[in-house]
């Protein structure tokens, strides 16, 4: 019997596995860590790559920043599921939700520029992002010496 893998909205029981996944990827230098408090407060932002039986194999969040801007953040996939298109599906789920919400500008701060370029994101100057974006940065261990790269995409209202 094969196990199904699929993308769905996160549930409360996913917080601990999401946290473990993000901490593991953070230790590898792939992304910044998130606290349990942040995850519980922003659970509705998350999509997960789930398998039958409830296991979480990946996650990604769409965080609304302003009336016309959202951020794709916390994209993480367990190592054995990488390079299979699941990261793309998680980001596409976030972008689809942005369009559904009427938000057509989406950015990310990332170390994985090639991945996001393949999805249509372009490198932009951090100075082009509104001040509100930097609220989370005050709590970052790398502040004020951020080495992440800002990327942005403008979506069409008919895109999904």
Protein backbone atom coordinates (compact mmCIF):
# COMPACT_ATOMS: atom_id res chain seq x y z
CA UNK A 1 0.00 0.00 0.00
CA UNK A 2 1.36 3.42 -0.96
CA UNK A 3 1.13 6.48 1.23
CA UNK A 4 -0.53 9.58 -0.22
CA UNK A 5 1.30 12.91 0.00
CA UNK A 6 -0.62 16.14 -0.48
CA UNK A 7 -0.68 19.87 0.31
CA UNK A 8 -3.29 21.13 2.79
CA UNK A 9 -3.83 23.96 5.28
CA UNK A 10 -2.04 23.45 8.59
CA UNK A 11 -3.89 22.24 11.68
CA UNK A 12 -3.17 22.75 15.35
CA UNK A 13 -1.56 19.29 15.67
CA UNK A 14 0.94 20.30 12.96
CA UNK A 15 2.61 23.02 15.07
CA UNK A 16 5.15 20.74 16.78
CA UNK A 17 6.20 18.95 13.56
CA UNK A 18 6.41 22.31 11.73
CA UNK A 19 8.58 23.69 14.53
CA UNK A 20 10.89 20.64 14.41
CA UNK A 21 11.21 20.95 10.62
CA UNK A 22 11.94 24.68 10.77
CA UNK A 23 14.51 24.21 13.54
CA UNK A 24 16.26 21.48 11.54
CA UNK A 25 16.39 23.66 8.42
CA UNK A 26 17.53 26.61 10.53
CA UNK A 27 20.46 24.57 11.86
CA UNK A 28 21.40 23.87 8.23
CA UNK A 29 21.38 27.62 7.53
CA UNK A 30 18.47 27.34 5.09
CA UNK A 31 16.05 29.66 6.89
CA UNK A 32 15.45 31.53 10.10
CA UNK A 33 13.88 29.73 13.09
CA UNK A 34 10.35 30.39 14.33
CA UNK A 35 9.22 30.05 17.95
CA UNK A 36 6.23 28.00 19.09
CA UNK A 37 4.52 31.28 19.96
CA UNK A 38 4.99 32.57 16.40
CA UNK A 39 3.71 29.31 14.93
CA UNK A 40 0.59 29.20 17.10
CA UNK A 41 -0.14 32.87 16.36
CA UNK A 42 0.31 32.41 12.61
CA UNK A 43 -0.92 28.85 12.09
CA UNK A 44 -3.56 30.03 9.60
CA UNK A 45 -0.74 31.32 7.38
CA UNK A 46 0.69 27.82 6.86
CA UNK A 47 0.24 25.12 4.29
CA UNK A 48 1.81 21.74 4.97
CA UNK A 49 3.00 18.87 2.86
CA UNK A 50 1.26 16.02 4.63
CA UNK A 51 1.18 12.28 4.29
CA UNK A 52 -1.56 9.85 5.21
CA UNK A 53 -1.38 9.21 8.92
CA UNK A 54 -0.69 12.85 9.71
CA UNK A 55 3.05 13.22 9.16
CA UNK A 56 4.31 16.66 8.10
CA UNK A 57 6.96 16.55 5.36
CA UNK A 58 7.08 20.24 4.54
CA UNK A 59 5.56 23.65 5.15
CA UNK A 60 5.26 27.15 3.76
CA UNK A 61 3.44 30.27 4.96
CA UNK A 62 1.81 33.28 3.36
CA UNK A 63 2.02 36.22 5.75
CA UNK A 64 -0.02 39.31 4.94
CA UNK A 65 2.21 42.34 5.39
CA UNK A 66 0.03 45.19 4.18
CA UNK A 67 -3.15 45.79 2.19
CA UNK A 68 -1.43 45.02 -1.09
CA UNK A 69 1.57 42.93 -0.06
CA UNK A 70 2.23 39.47 1.37
CA UNK A 71 5.32 37.43 2.13
CA UNK A 72 6.07 33.79 1.35
CA UNK A 73 8.08 32.53 4.31
CA UNK A 74 9.16 29.46 6.23
CA UNK A 75 9.41 27.17 3.20
CA UNK A 76 10.90 23.91 4.42
CA UNK A 77 10.85 20.34 3.11
CA UNK A 78 12.33 17.24 4.73
CA UNK A 79 15.51 16.31 2.88
CA UNK A 80 14.21 13.06 1.36
CA UNK A 81 11.30 14.91 -0.30
CA UNK A 82 13.35 17.74 -1.84
CA UNK A 83 13.77 18.10 -5.60
CA UNK A 84 10.42 16.44 -6.28
CA UNK A 85 8.36 19.58 -6.94
CA UNK A 86 6.78 19.77 -3.48
CA UNK A 87 8.39 23.12 -2.64
CA UNK A 88 6.92 24.52 -5.84
CA UNK A 89 3.48 23.19 -4.90
CA UNK A 90 3.66 24.72 -1.43
CA UNK A 91 4.67 28.13 -2.80
CA UNK A 92 1.98 27.90 -5.50
CA UNK A 93 -0.61 27.20 -2.79
CA UNK A 94 0.50 30.39 -1.04
CA UNK A 95 0.41 32.41 -4.27
CA UNK A 96 -3.05 31.07 -5.07
CA UNK A 97 -4.26 32.11 -1.63
CA UNK A 98 -2.77 35.59 -2.16
CA UNK A 99 -4.78 35.97 -5.36
CA UNK A 100 -7.91 34.69 -3.62
CA UNK A 101 -7.38 37.36 -0.95
CA UNK A 102 -6.87 40.06 -3.61
CA UNK A 103 -3.15 40.48 -2.91
CA UNK A 104 -1.11 40.58 -6.10
CA UNK A 105 2.34 41.59 -4.86
CA UNK A 106 4.25 38.91 -2.97
CA UNK A 107 7.82 38.97 -1.77
CA UNK A 108 10.20 36.61 -0.03
CA UNK A 109 13.48 36.97 1.81
CA UNK A 110 15.56 33.95 0.90
CA UNK A 111 18.89 32.27 0.41
CA UNK A 112 17.40 30.10 -2.39
CA UNK A 113 17.24 32.59 -5.26
CA UNK A 114 17.39 30.03 -8.08
CA UNK A 115 14.36 28.17 -6.72
CA UNK A 116 12.27 31.34 -6.53
CA UNK A 117 13.49 32.60 -9.94
CA UNK A 118 12.01 29.43 -11.48
CA UNK A 119 8.66 30.43 -9.97
CA UNK A 120 8.80 33.92 -11.50
CA UNK A 121 10.22 35.90 -8.59
CA UNK A 122 12.83 38.56 -9.33
CA UNK A 123 15.55 39.95 -7.08
CA UNK A 124 14.61 43.40 -5.76
CA UNK A 125 16.29 45.91 -3.51
CA UNK A 126 15.25 45.58 0.12
CA UNK A 127 14.80 49.36 0.04
CA UNK A 128 11.79 48.84 -2.27
CA UNK A 129 9.90 46.98 0.47
CA UNK A 130 7.80 49.02 2.92
CA UNK A 131 9.07 49.67 6.44
CA UNK A 132 6.38 47.33 7.87
CA UNK A 133 8.28 44.38 6.39
CA UNK A 134 11.13 44.92 8.81
CA UNK A 135 9.08 44.59 12.03
CA UNK A 136 10.04 40.89 12.37
CA UNK A 137 13.66 41.71 11.63
CA UNK A 138 14.10 43.40 14.99
CA UNK A 139 13.83 39.95 16.62
CA UNK A 140 16.17 38.22 14.16
CA UNK A 141 19.58 37.06 15.39
CA UNK A 142 21.12 38.48 12.18
CA UNK A 143 19.69 41.97 12.65
CA UNK A 144 20.91 44.44 11.43
CA UNK A 145 23.29 42.47 9.17
CA UNK A 146 20.69 40.62 7.11
CA UNK A 147 22.17 38.43 4.40
CA UNK A 148 18.88 37.21 2.92
CA UNK A 149 18.00 38.30 -0.60
CA UNK A 150 14.71 40.07 -1.30
CA UNK A 151 12.68 38.75 -4.23
CA UNK A 152 9.26 39.77 -5.49
CA UNK A 153 6.55 38.66 -7.90
CA UNK A 154 3.50 40.51 -9.21
CA UNK A 155 0.58 38.17 -9.80
CA UNK A 156 -2.28 38.59 -12.23
CA UNK A 157 -5.79 38.52 -10.80
CA UNK A 158 -6.65 35.59 -13.08
CA UNK A 159 -3.62 33.50 -12.05
CA UNK A 160 -4.08 30.46 -9.85
